[in-house]
Amino acid sequence: MTGTLYLIPTPISEEAVIDSLTGDIVRVLHKTQHYAVENIRSARRFIKSVDRNINIDELTFYEIGKNSSDTEKSSIIDILISGKNVGIMSEAGAPGVADPGSDIVLAAHKANINVMPLVGASSILLALMGSGLNGQKFVFHGYLPIKQNERQKAIRQLEKESHNFSQSQLFIETPYRNKAIFDDLIKTCLPQTLLTVAVDLTGEEQFLETKSIQAWKSSQVVFPKKPAIFVLLA
């Protein structure tokens, strides 16, 4: 009998470690010895914060990411085939959603291994839930281009698609580029377009507001230097 591949969400803010956990996550951590993780150090710290009685030194960690080799991924599948459970964890949020892990999940399906996603925080869904914008039709785009001219071109295209298909357009940004992308949105989008800015969701500095571009232009906004989700609806 094969093991189970557990997809284990982790807190999306440092302050929400215990509050965001479900009983299922705690139970899975107690019966899993092998982990494929985005960052070994943060994964060890997370497990220890859940239960200090878990012996971290008895666990095995495999670091996964964009540069993981096929051999490394195959070794994780081999562990599952041998009957042992494996947990996948990203550094924050839901593994496989804008984070590493989806390729291992696909390989597990091909090997007829049971895949069990667990309930937990996803900044993407929390931002959409809190936006008040279209939650029936939406598209997530990850990161927009770094270069300003390419980013502004992408914003115009997203606004056009949002208007044509009545879709909420979601994208994320790193803390040090929050202000730059916000300024580009204000300069590029039409006055009536709606924009949600969601920063540090579930954290102590949470910022979550939806306004028209026109209203944002007259607002004095200072965002926390934390990861952000933007939701746009034209």
Foldseek 3Di string as FASTA:
>chain_A
DFAEEEWAAAAQFPVCLPVFDDPVNLVVLVQAQEEEEQDPVLVLVSSCVSPVPDDSVSHYYHHDAPPDDPVSLVVVLVNRRVHHYYYYYYNHGTDPPLHHDPVSVVVCVVVVHHYHYDDGDDPQVVLVVQAPADPPAEDEDEAFDPDLVRRLVVLLVVQVCLVVPVYKYKYKDALVCPVVSLVSNLVRDDQQKKKWKWFNPPDPQTDTDIDGSVVVVPDDDDHDSGIIMMIIHD
